[in-house]
């Protein structure tokens, strides 16, 4: 399917390639016979970033096998309220554990070469995919656990709890960061204008 879309894109008048992405928070789970890995909450309890990196690499292979080059993962939310219906997307309520699990990024994208500048997007080759750290920022701390709600926390708390994984993700060369529909102290984090 994706390969046919890409052919159509490239054969258009301008020949602009298409970027196609898919959610892969626990493997390439929309594909028949793909490997389904435990959700992030299950991986977080392992405290094993090397395992998560290997899962990222295996997921990248399966995603690329279907012609897709962009993966919406990892979710680096820090779930602070168990009532949030997406706590399974979070590696932990502990930001240190979430930071460790950003090893999913080099698993998906490949290791940034030692001589490369830190903080720039990097994808190693045709068996890797562009990763996406999500959902920026504070979506795991929403008041009363209500999805797409309000994270009430001071700046210091936001930076020391919810932002730490993003610092690591950027240092590891994550290709993109997905925005959040949440609010921070009543202010919308992001907004779409028609």
N, C-alpha and C. Protein backbone atom coordinates (compact mmCIF):
# COMPACT_ATOMS: atom_id res chain seq x y z
N UNK A 1 0.82 -1.19 0.00
CA UNK A 1 0.00 0.00 0.00
C UNK A 1 0.87 1.26 0.00
N UNK A 2 1.77 1.36 0.99
CA UNK A 2 2.59 2.56 1.12
C UNK A 2 3.51 2.71 -0.09
N UNK A 3 4.05 1.60 -0.58
CA UNK A 3 4.92 1.67 -1.76
C UNK A 3 4.17 2.21 -2.97
N UNK A 4 2.91 1.82 -3.12
CA UNK A 4 2.10 2.32 -4.23
C UNK A 4 1.81 3.82 -4.07
N UNK A 5 1.53 4.23 -2.83
CA UNK A 5 1.34 5.67 -2.57
C UNK A 5 2.61 6.44 -2.95
N UNK A 6 3.76 5.89 -2.57
CA UNK A 6 5.04 6.55 -2.86
C UNK A 6 5.28 6.64 -4.36
N UNK A 7 4.99 5.56 -5.09
CA UNK A 7 5.14 5.59 -6.54
C UNK A 7 4.27 6.69 -7.15
N UNK A 8 3.03 6.79 -6.67
CA UNK A 8 2.14 7.83 -7.16
C UNK A 8 2.67 9.22 -6.87
N UNK A 9 3.21 9.39 -5.71
CA UNK A 9 3.78 10.68 -5.32
C UNK A 9 4.96 11.06 -6.21
N UNK A 10 5.85 10.09 -6.40
CA UNK A 10 7.06 10.35 -7.19
C UNK A 10 6.75 10.54 -8.68
N UNK A 11 5.65 9.95 -9.15
CA UNK A 11 5.31 10.09 -10.57
C UNK A 11 4.47 11.34 -10.85
N UNK A 12 4.16 12.10 -9.83
CA UNK A 12 3.40 13.34 -10.03
C UNK A 12 4.27 14.39 -10.74
N UNK A 13 3.68 15.45 -11.16
CA UNK A 13 4.38 16.49 -11.91
C UNK A 13 5.62 16.99 -11.18
N UNK A 14 5.53 17.21 -9.86
CA UNK A 14 6.67 17.72 -9.10
C UNK A 14 7.57 16.63 -8.54
N UNK A 15 7.09 15.40 -8.50
CA UNK A 15 7.91 14.29 -8.03
C UNK A 15 8.32 14.39 -6.57
N UNK A 16 7.48 14.97 -5.77
CA UNK A 16 7.81 15.15 -4.34
C UNK A 16 7.51 13.84 -3.60
N UNK A 17 8.52 13.29 -2.90
CA UNK A 17 8.28 12.05 -2.16
C UNK A 17 7.33 12.27 -0.98
N UNK A 18 6.62 11.24 -0.64
CA UNK A 18 5.67 11.27 0.46
C UNK A 18 6.36 10.80 1.74
N UNK A 19 5.99 11.40 2.84
CA UNK A 19 6.43 10.91 4.15
C UNK A 19 5.21 10.27 4.80
N UNK A 20 5.32 9.00 5.13
CA UNK A 20 4.20 8.26 5.72
C UNK A 20 4.65 7.75 7.08
N UNK A 21 3.86 8.03 8.10
CA UNK A 21 4.19 7.59 9.45
C UNK A 21 3.10 6.75 10.06
N UNK A 22 3.48 5.98 11.09
CA UNK A 22 2.53 5.08 11.75
C UNK A 22 2.88 4.96 13.23
N UNK A 23 1.85 4.80 14.06
CA UNK A 23 2.05 4.57 15.49
C UNK A 23 2.66 3.19 15.71
N UNK A 24 3.74 3.14 16.46
CA UNK A 24 4.39 1.85 16.76
C UNK A 24 4.77 1.78 18.24
N UNK A 25 3.86 2.18 19.12
CA UNK A 25 4.21 2.24 20.54
C UNK A 25 4.47 0.86 21.15
N UNK A 26 4.04 -0.20 20.51
CA UNK A 26 4.42 -1.54 20.98
C UNK A 26 4.60 -2.49 19.80
N UNK A 27 5.35 -2.01 18.83
CA UNK A 27 5.62 -2.77 17.62
C UNK A 27 4.76 -2.28 16.47
N UNK A 28 4.94 -2.90 15.33
CA UNK A 28 4.20 -2.54 14.11
C UNK A 28 2.87 -3.29 14.13
N UNK A 29 2.05 -2.98 15.12
CA UNK A 29 0.90 -3.80 15.48
C UNK A 29 -0.28 -3.77 14.51
N UNK A 30 -0.22 -2.97 13.47
CA UNK A 30 -1.31 -2.95 12.49
C UNK A 30 -1.09 -3.93 11.35
N UNK A 31 0.01 -4.67 11.41
CA UNK A 31 0.38 -5.55 10.32
C UNK A 31 0.25 -7.01 10.76
N UNK A 32 -0.39 -7.79 9.95
CA UNK A 32 -0.57 -9.21 10.22
C UNK A 32 0.78 -9.89 10.42
N UNK A 33 0.91 -10.65 11.49
CA UNK A 33 2.09 -11.43 11.87
C UNK A 33 3.29 -10.58 12.31
N UNK A 34 3.08 -9.30 12.54
CA UNK A 34 4.17 -8.47 13.08
C UNK A 34 4.38 -8.83 14.55
N UNK A 35 5.55 -8.52 15.05
CA UNK A 35 5.86 -8.77 16.46
C UNK A 35 5.19 -7.72 17.33
N UNK A 36 4.44 -8.17 18.32
CA UNK A 36 3.80 -7.26 19.26
C UNK A 36 4.61 -7.32 20.56
N UNK A 37 5.13 -6.18 20.95
CA UNK A 37 5.93 -6.10 22.17
C UNK A 37 5.07 -5.57 23.31
N UNK A 38 5.51 -5.75 24.54
CA UNK A 38 4.76 -5.20 25.68
C UNK A 38 4.64 -3.67 25.54
N UNK A 39 3.57 -3.15 26.10
CA UNK A 39 3.42 -1.69 26.13
C UNK A 39 4.55 -1.08 26.95
N UNK A 40 4.73 0.23 26.80
CA UNK A 40 5.81 0.92 27.50
C UNK A 40 5.79 0.70 29.00
N UNK A 41 4.61 0.66 29.61
CA UNK A 41 4.54 0.47 31.05
C UNK A 41 5.18 -0.87 31.45
N UNK A 42 5.03 -1.88 30.64
CA UNK A 42 5.66 -3.17 30.89
C UNK A 42 7.16 -3.14 30.65
N UNK A 43 7.59 -2.39 29.65
CA UNK A 43 9.02 -2.27 29.37
C UNK A 43 9.72 -1.44 30.43
N UNK A 44 9.03 -0.45 30.95
CA UNK A 44 9.63 0.40 31.98
C UNK A 44 10.00 -0.36 33.23
N UNK A 45 9.20 -1.34 33.61
CA UNK A 45 9.50 -2.09 34.83
C UNK A 45 10.74 -2.97 34.66
N UNK A 46 11.18 -3.22 33.43
CA UNK A 46 12.40 -4.00 33.23
C UNK A 46 13.64 -3.20 33.61
N UNK A 47 13.54 -1.88 33.55
CA UNK A 47 14.69 -0.99 33.78
C UNK A 47 15.86 -1.38 32.87
N UNK A 48 15.54 -1.81 31.65
CA UNK A 48 16.56 -2.34 30.74
C UNK A 48 16.56 -1.55 29.42
N UNK A 49 17.32 -0.45 29.36
CA UNK A 49 17.32 0.35 28.14
C UNK A 49 17.88 -0.39 26.92
N UNK A 50 18.78 -1.34 27.13
CA UNK A 50 19.32 -2.12 25.99
C UNK A 50 18.24 -2.99 25.36
N UNK A 51 17.36 -3.55 26.19
CA UNK A 51 16.23 -4.32 25.67
C UNK A 51 15.33 -3.43 24.83
N UNK A 52 15.04 -2.24 25.33
CA UNK A 52 14.18 -1.29 24.61
C UNK A 52 14.84 -0.89 23.29
N UNK A 53 16.15 -0.72 23.29
CA UNK A 53 16.86 -0.39 22.05
C UNK A 53 16.73 -1.52 21.04
N UNK A 54 16.85 -2.76 21.49
CA UNK A 54 16.69 -3.92 20.60
C UNK A 54 15.27 -4.00 20.05
N UNK A 55 14.29 -3.70 20.89
CA UNK A 55 12.89 -3.68 20.43
C UNK A 55 12.71 -2.60 19.37
N UNK A 56 13.34 -1.45 19.59
CA UNK A 56 13.28 -0.37 18.58
C UNK A 56 13.86 -0.82 17.25
N UNK A 57 14.99 -1.50 17.31
CA UNK A 57 15.63 -1.98 16.07
C UNK A 57 14.76 -3.01 15.35
N UNK A 58 14.18 -3.93 16.10
CA UNK A 58 13.29 -4.94 15.49
C UNK A 58 12.05 -4.28 14.89
N UNK A 59 11.51 -3.31 15.60
CA UNK A 59 10.33 -2.59 15.10
C UNK A 59 10.67 -1.83 13.83
N UNK A 60 11.84 -1.19 13.80
CA UNK A 60 12.26 -0.45 12.61
C UNK A 60 12.33 -1.37 11.39
N UNK A 61 12.87 -2.57 11.57
CA UNK A 61 12.94 -3.52 10.45
C UNK A 61 11.56 -3.87 9.92
N UNK A 62 10.63 -4.13 10.82
CA UNK A 62 9.28 -4.51 10.39
C UNK A 62 8.54 -3.34 9.75
N UNK A 63 8.77 -2.14 10.26
CA UNK A 63 8.14 -0.95 9.67
C UNK A 63 8.68 -0.71 8.26
N UNK A 64 10.00 -0.77 8.12
CA UNK A 64 10.61 -0.55 6.80
C UNK A 64 10.19 -1.62 5.79
N UNK A 65 9.96 -2.83 6.28
CA UNK A 65 9.54 -3.92 5.39
C UNK A 65 8.20 -3.62 4.73
N UNK A 66 7.41 -2.73 5.33
CA UNK A 66 6.12 -2.36 4.75
C UNK A 66 6.20 -1.04 3.98
N UNK A 67 7.42 -0.52 3.79
CA UNK A 67 7.61 0.70 3.00
C UNK A 67 7.47 1.98 3.79
N UNK A 68 7.23 1.88 5.07
CA UNK A 68 7.03 3.08 5.91
C UNK A 68 8.39 3.51 6.46
N UNK A 69 8.61 4.83 6.48
CA UNK A 69 9.90 5.33 6.93
C UNK A 69 9.84 6.21 8.17
N UNK A 70 8.68 6.27 8.81
CA UNK A 70 8.49 7.20 9.92
C UNK A 70 7.64 6.54 10.99
N UNK A 71 8.13 6.52 12.23
CA UNK A 71 7.45 5.84 13.32
C UNK A 71 7.09 6.82 14.43
N UNK A 72 5.83 6.82 14.83
CA UNK A 72 5.38 7.67 15.92
C UNK A 72 5.68 6.98 17.25
N UNK A 73 6.93 7.04 17.67
CA UNK A 73 7.39 6.45 18.93
C UNK A 73 8.80 6.99 19.18
N UNK A 74 9.21 7.07 20.41
CA UNK A 74 8.57 6.58 21.63
C UNK A 74 7.69 7.65 22.28
N UNK A 75 6.75 7.17 23.07
CA UNK A 75 5.97 8.06 23.93
C UNK A 75 6.79 8.24 25.20
N UNK A 76 7.18 9.46 25.49
CA UNK A 76 8.01 9.70 26.68
C UNK A 76 7.26 10.52 27.72
N UNK A 77 5.96 10.29 27.76
CA UNK A 77 5.14 10.90 28.81
C UNK A 77 5.52 10.30 30.16
N UNK A 78 5.42 11.11 31.19
CA UNK A 78 5.66 10.65 32.56
C UNK A 78 4.29 10.62 33.24
N UNK A 79 3.69 9.43 33.34
CA UNK A 79 2.34 9.30 33.90
C UNK A 79 2.37 9.56 35.40
N UNK A 80 1.69 10.61 35.82
CA UNK A 80 1.67 10.99 37.23
C UNK A 80 0.31 10.75 37.89
N UNK A 81 -0.67 10.31 37.12
CA UNK A 81 -2.00 10.05 37.66
C UNK A 81 -2.54 8.79 37.00
N UNK A 82 -2.67 7.72 37.77
CA UNK A 82 -3.08 6.42 37.22
C UNK A 82 -4.46 6.44 36.58
N UNK A 83 -5.23 7.49 36.82
CA UNK A 83 -6.55 7.58 36.18
C UNK A 83 -6.44 7.94 34.70
N UNK A 84 -5.26 8.42 34.27
CA UNK A 84 -5.08 8.75 32.87
C UNK A 84 -5.17 7.46 32.06
N UNK A 85 -6.05 7.43 31.10
CA UNK A 85 -6.30 6.22 30.33
C UNK A 85 -5.17 5.79 29.42
N UNK A 86 -4.10 6.58 29.36
CA UNK A 86 -2.98 6.23 28.49
C UNK A 86 -1.71 5.97 29.30
N UNK A 87 -1.85 5.66 30.57
CA UNK A 87 -0.66 5.36 31.39
C UNK A 87 0.16 4.21 30.80
N UNK A 88 -0.48 3.30 30.08
CA UNK A 88 0.25 2.19 29.46
C UNK A 88 1.27 2.70 28.44
N UNK A 89 1.08 3.91 27.89
CA UNK A 89 2.01 4.52 26.94
C UNK A 89 3.27 5.04 27.63
N UNK A 90 3.22 5.21 28.94
CA UNK A 90 4.33 5.79 29.70
C UNK A 90 5.22 4.68 30.25
N UNK A 91 6.52 4.88 30.18
CA UNK A 91 7.46 3.91 30.74
C UNK A 91 7.42 3.90 32.26
N UNK A 92 7.08 5.04 32.86
CA UNK A 92 7.10 5.11 34.32
C UNK A 92 6.56 6.46 34.80
N UNK A 93 6.26 6.50 36.09
CA UNK A 93 5.95 7.78 36.73
C UNK A 93 7.25 8.47 37.17
N UNK A 94 8.37 7.76 37.06
CA UNK A 94 9.67 8.26 37.45
C UNK A 94 10.39 8.80 36.20
N UNK A 95 10.67 10.10 36.15
CA UNK A 95 11.30 10.65 34.96
C UNK A 95 12.67 10.07 34.66
N UNK A 96 13.37 9.56 35.67
CA UNK A 96 14.69 8.94 35.43
C UNK A 96 14.55 7.66 34.60
N UNK A 97 13.51 6.91 34.87
CA UNK A 97 13.27 5.68 34.10
C UNK A 97 12.86 6.03 32.67
N UNK A 98 12.00 7.02 32.53
CA UNK A 98 11.59 7.46 31.20
C UNK A 98 12.82 7.89 30.39
N UNK A 99 13.72 8.61 31.02
CA UNK A 99 14.95 9.05 30.34
C UNK A 99 15.76 7.85 29.86
N UNK A 100 15.89 6.83 30.71
CA UNK A 100 16.65 5.63 30.32
C UNK A 100 16.04 5.00 29.07
N UNK A 101 14.72 5.00 29.00
CA UNK A 101 14.03 4.30 27.92
C UNK A 101 14.02 5.08 26.61
N UNK A 102 14.59 6.28 26.59
CA UNK A 102 14.73 6.97 25.31
C UNK A 102 15.74 6.25 24.41
N UNK A 103 16.32 5.15 24.89
CA UNK A 103 17.16 4.30 24.05
C UNK A 103 16.35 3.70 22.90
N UNK A 104 15.04 3.79 22.98
CA UNK A 104 14.20 3.38 21.85
C UNK A 104 14.59 4.16 20.60
N UNK A 105 15.01 5.40 20.78
CA UNK A 105 15.34 6.27 19.64
C UNK A 105 16.51 5.72 18.83
N UNK A 106 17.68 5.45 19.43
CA UNK A 106 18.74 4.85 18.61
C UNK A 106 18.39 3.45 18.11
N UNK A 107 17.47 2.76 18.78
CA UNK A 107 16.99 1.49 18.25
C UNK A 107 16.24 1.69 16.95
N UNK A 108 15.36 2.66 16.91
CA UNK A 108 14.58 2.95 15.71
C UNK A 108 15.42 3.61 14.62
N UNK A 109 16.26 4.56 15.01
CA UNK A 109 16.97 5.39 14.04
C UNK A 109 18.41 4.95 13.78
N UNK A 110 19.00 4.20 14.69
CA UNK A 110 20.41 3.86 14.60
C UNK A 110 21.22 4.78 15.50
N UNK A 111 22.41 4.33 15.84
CA UNK A 111 23.28 5.12 16.71
C UNK A 111 23.86 6.30 15.95
N UNK A 112 23.85 7.45 16.60
CA UNK A 112 24.47 8.64 16.04
C UNK A 112 25.99 8.41 16.03
N UNK A 113 26.66 8.64 14.89
CA UNK A 113 28.11 8.44 14.85
C UNK A 113 28.83 9.29 15.90
N UNK A 114 29.92 8.77 16.43
CA UNK A 114 30.66 9.44 17.49
C UNK A 114 31.11 10.84 17.10
N UNK A 115 31.43 11.05 15.83
CA UNK A 115 31.93 12.36 15.38
C UNK A 115 30.82 13.32 14.97
N UNK A 116 29.57 12.90 15.07
CA UNK A 116 28.43 13.75 14.67
C UNK A 116 28.11 14.75 15.78
N UNK A 117 27.58 15.88 15.37
CA UNK A 117 27.16 16.90 16.32
C UNK A 117 25.91 16.42 17.04
N UNK A 118 25.88 16.57 18.35
CA UNK A 118 24.73 16.15 19.15
C UNK A 118 23.55 17.11 18.94
N UNK A 119 22.34 16.56 19.01
CA UNK A 119 21.14 17.39 18.93
C UNK A 119 20.60 17.60 17.54
N UNK A 120 21.14 16.88 16.55
CA UNK A 120 20.64 16.99 15.19
C UNK A 120 19.99 15.68 14.79
N UNK A 121 18.90 15.72 14.02
CA UNK A 121 18.24 14.48 13.60
C UNK A 121 19.20 13.56 12.85
N UNK A 122 19.04 12.27 13.10
CA UNK A 122 19.91 11.29 12.44
C UNK A 122 19.13 10.00 12.24
N UNK A 123 19.17 9.47 11.01
CA UNK A 123 18.63 8.14 10.71
C UNK A 123 19.71 7.40 9.94
N UNK A 124 20.07 6.20 10.42
CA UNK A 124 21.25 5.48 9.96
C UNK A 124 21.16 4.91 8.55
N UNK A 125 20.02 4.44 8.11
CA UNK A 125 19.97 3.83 6.78
C UNK A 125 18.63 3.22 6.47
N UNK A 126 18.60 2.38 5.45
CA UNK A 126 17.35 1.84 4.92
C UNK A 126 16.66 0.82 5.83
N UNK A 127 17.35 0.37 6.89
CA UNK A 127 16.70 -0.53 7.83
C UNK A 127 16.26 0.20 9.11
N UNK A 128 16.32 1.53 9.08
CA UNK A 128 15.94 2.36 10.22
C UNK A 128 14.81 3.30 9.82
N UNK A 129 14.15 3.86 10.83
CA UNK A 129 13.05 4.79 10.58
C UNK A 129 13.26 6.06 11.38
N UNK A 130 12.66 7.14 10.93
CA UNK A 130 12.66 8.38 11.70
C UNK A 130 11.74 8.19 12.91
N UNK A 131 12.22 8.54 14.09
CA UNK A 131 11.44 8.40 15.32
C UNK A 131 10.76 9.71 15.66
N UNK A 132 9.80 9.63 16.57
CA UNK A 132 9.03 10.80 16.99
C UNK A 132 8.80 10.72 18.50
N UNK A 133 9.44 11.61 19.26
CA UNK A 133 9.19 11.69 20.70
C UNK A 133 7.85 12.38 20.90
N UNK A 134 7.01 11.80 21.77
CA UNK A 134 5.68 12.37 21.93
C UNK A 134 5.18 12.23 23.36
N UNK A 135 4.29 13.02 23.73
CA UNK A 135 3.55 14.17 23.22
C UNK A 135 3.99 15.39 24.02
N UNK A 136 4.59 16.31 23.38
CA UNK A 136 5.24 17.47 24.00
C UNK A 136 4.23 18.43 24.58
N UNK A 137 4.30 18.72 25.75
CA UNK A 137 4.99 18.19 26.92
C UNK A 137 4.01 18.21 28.08
N UNK A 138 4.12 17.25 28.98
CA UNK A 138 3.29 17.22 30.18
C UNK A 138 2.02 16.41 30.05
N UNK A 139 1.85 15.66 28.96
CA UNK A 139 0.58 14.94 28.78
C UNK A 139 0.36 13.85 29.82
N UNK A 140 1.40 13.39 30.48
CA UNK A 140 1.22 12.39 31.53
C UNK A 140 0.84 12.96 32.88
N UNK A 141 0.79 14.27 32.98
CA UNK A 141 0.48 14.89 34.27
C UNK A 141 -0.85 15.60 34.32
N UNK A 142 -1.76 15.22 33.47
CA UNK A 142 -3.02 15.94 33.37
C UNK A 142 -3.91 15.78 34.61
N UNK A 143 -4.50 16.87 34.96
CA UNK A 143 -5.37 16.95 36.15
C UNK A 143 -6.47 15.89 36.09
N UNK A 144 -6.60 15.15 37.18
CA UNK A 144 -7.61 14.11 37.32
C UNK A 144 -7.47 12.99 36.28
N UNK A 145 -6.32 12.93 35.61
CA UNK A 145 -6.09 11.87 34.63
C UNK A 145 -6.92 11.99 33.37
N UNK A 146 -7.49 13.14 33.12
CA UNK A 146 -8.35 13.33 31.95
C UNK A 146 -7.49 13.62 30.73
N UNK A 147 -7.61 12.79 29.69
CA UNK A 147 -6.81 12.94 28.49
C UNK A 147 -7.04 14.29 27.84
N UNK A 148 -5.98 14.86 27.29
CA UNK A 148 -6.01 16.16 26.61
C UNK A 148 -6.52 17.25 27.54
N UNK A 149 -6.16 17.17 28.79
CA UNK A 149 -6.63 18.10 29.81
C UNK A 149 -5.51 19.07 30.19
N UNK A 150 -5.49 19.45 31.45
CA UNK A 150 -4.63 20.50 31.98
C UNK A 150 -3.60 19.91 32.94
N UNK A 151 -2.32 20.17 32.67
CA UNK A 151 -1.25 19.80 33.59
C UNK A 151 -0.98 21.01 34.47
N UNK A 152 -1.28 20.86 35.74
CA UNK A 152 -1.08 21.98 36.68
C UNK A 152 0.21 21.72 37.45
N UNK A 153 1.23 22.50 37.11
CA UNK A 153 2.54 22.34 37.72
C UNK A 153 3.35 23.61 37.44
N UNK A 154 4.24 23.97 38.35
CA UNK A 154 5.08 25.14 38.09
C UNK A 154 6.16 24.81 37.07
N UNK A 155 6.84 25.83 36.60
CA UNK A 155 7.86 25.66 35.56
C UNK A 155 8.95 24.68 36.00
N UNK A 156 9.39 24.81 37.24
CA UNK A 156 10.44 23.92 37.75
C UNK A 156 9.98 22.46 37.69
N UNK A 157 8.74 22.20 38.10
CA UNK A 157 8.20 20.84 38.04
C UNK A 157 8.07 20.34 36.61
N UNK A 158 7.60 21.20 35.72
CA UNK A 158 7.47 20.81 34.31
C UNK A 158 8.84 20.41 33.75
N UNK A 159 9.84 21.22 34.05
CA UNK A 159 11.18 20.96 33.53
C UNK A 159 11.83 19.73 34.17
N UNK A 160 11.61 19.52 35.45
CA UNK A 160 12.30 18.43 36.15
C UNK A 160 11.57 17.09 36.07
N UNK A 161 10.30 17.10 35.69
CA UNK A 161 9.53 15.85 35.58
C UNK A 161 9.23 15.53 34.11
N UNK A 162 8.53 16.41 33.45
CA UNK A 162 7.99 16.11 32.13
C UNK A 162 8.93 16.43 30.96
N UNK A 163 9.91 17.28 31.17
CA UNK A 163 10.77 17.72 30.07
C UNK A 163 12.04 16.89 29.91
N UNK A 164 12.46 16.19 30.95
CA UNK A 164 13.76 15.51 30.93
C UNK A 164 13.92 14.53 29.77
N UNK A 165 12.89 13.76 29.48
CA UNK A 165 12.97 12.82 28.37
C UNK A 165 13.18 13.50 27.03
N UNK A 166 12.64 14.70 26.87
CA UNK A 166 12.82 15.43 25.61
C UNK A 166 14.25 15.90 25.44
N UNK A 167 14.89 16.32 26.53
CA UNK A 167 16.30 16.70 26.44
C UNK A 167 17.13 15.52 25.92
N UNK A 168 16.88 14.34 26.49
CA UNK A 168 17.62 13.15 26.06
C UNK A 168 17.26 12.77 24.63
N UNK A 169 15.99 12.86 24.27
CA UNK A 169 15.56 12.51 22.92
C UNK A 169 16.27 13.39 21.89
N UNK A 170 16.34 14.66 22.15
CA UNK A 170 17.01 15.58 21.21
C UNK A 170 18.50 15.28 21.16
N UNK A 171 19.11 15.02 22.30
CA UNK A 171 20.54 14.67 22.32
C UNK A 171 20.81 13.40 21.52
N UNK A 172 19.85 12.50 21.46
CA UNK A 172 20.01 11.24 20.73
C UNK A 172 19.62 11.36 19.26
N UNK A 173 19.31 12.58 18.82
CA UNK A 173 19.05 12.81 17.40
C UNK A 173 17.66 12.47 16.93
N UNK A 174 16.66 12.50 17.83
CA UNK A 174 15.29 12.19 17.41
C UNK A 174 14.90 13.07 16.23
N UNK A 175 14.23 12.49 15.27
CA UNK A 175 13.90 13.21 14.04
C UNK A 175 12.78 14.22 14.21
N UNK A 176 11.78 13.88 15.03
CA UNK A 176 10.64 14.78 15.21
C UNK A 176 10.13 14.71 16.65
N UNK A 177 9.32 15.70 17.00
CA UNK A 177 8.63 15.74 18.28
C UNK A 177 7.16 16.02 17.98
N UNK A 178 6.28 15.17 18.51
CA UNK A 178 4.85 15.35 18.28
C UNK A 178 4.26 16.26 19.36
N UNK A 179 3.41 17.16 18.95
CA UNK A 179 2.77 18.09 19.88
C UNK A 179 1.66 17.40 20.66
N UNK A 180 1.21 18.08 21.69
CA UNK A 180 0.15 17.57 22.57
C UNK A 180 -1.07 18.48 22.50
N UNK A 181 -2.23 17.90 22.74
CA UNK A 181 -3.46 18.69 22.82
C UNK A 181 -3.71 19.20 24.23
N UNK A 182 -2.79 18.95 25.13
CA UNK A 182 -2.99 19.30 26.53
C UNK A 182 -2.74 20.79 26.79
N UNK A 183 -3.00 21.16 28.04
CA UNK A 183 -2.75 22.52 28.50
C UNK A 183 -1.75 22.48 29.64
N UNK A 184 -1.07 23.58 29.83
CA UNK A 184 -0.18 23.74 30.97
C UNK A 184 -0.68 24.95 31.75
N UNK A 185 -1.14 24.71 32.96
CA UNK A 185 -1.71 25.75 33.82
C UNK A 185 -2.77 26.58 33.08
N UNK A 186 -3.60 25.89 32.32
CA UNK A 186 -4.71 26.54 31.62
C UNK A 186 -4.40 27.04 30.23
N UNK A 187 -3.14 27.10 29.86
CA UNK A 187 -2.75 27.59 28.53
C UNK A 187 -2.55 26.43 27.58
N UNK A 188 -3.18 26.51 26.40
CA UNK A 188 -3.03 25.44 25.42
C UNK A 188 -1.56 25.31 25.03
N UNK A 189 -1.09 24.08 25.02
CA UNK A 189 0.31 23.83 24.63
C UNK A 189 0.51 24.12 23.15
N UNK A 190 -0.46 23.76 22.33
CA UNK A 190 -0.38 23.97 20.88
C UNK A 190 -1.77 24.23 20.37
N UNK A 191 -1.86 24.89 19.28
CA UNK A 191 -3.18 25.18 18.71
C UNK A 191 -3.07 25.18 17.18
N UNK A 192 -4.09 24.69 16.53
CA UNK A 192 -4.15 24.71 15.07
C UNK A 192 -5.05 25.85 14.64
N UNK A 193 -4.60 26.60 13.70
CA UNK A 193 -5.39 27.70 13.14
C UNK A 193 -5.80 27.33 11.72
N UNK A 194 -7.08 27.54 11.38
CA UNK A 194 -7.51 27.24 10.00
C UNK A 194 -6.95 28.23 9.01
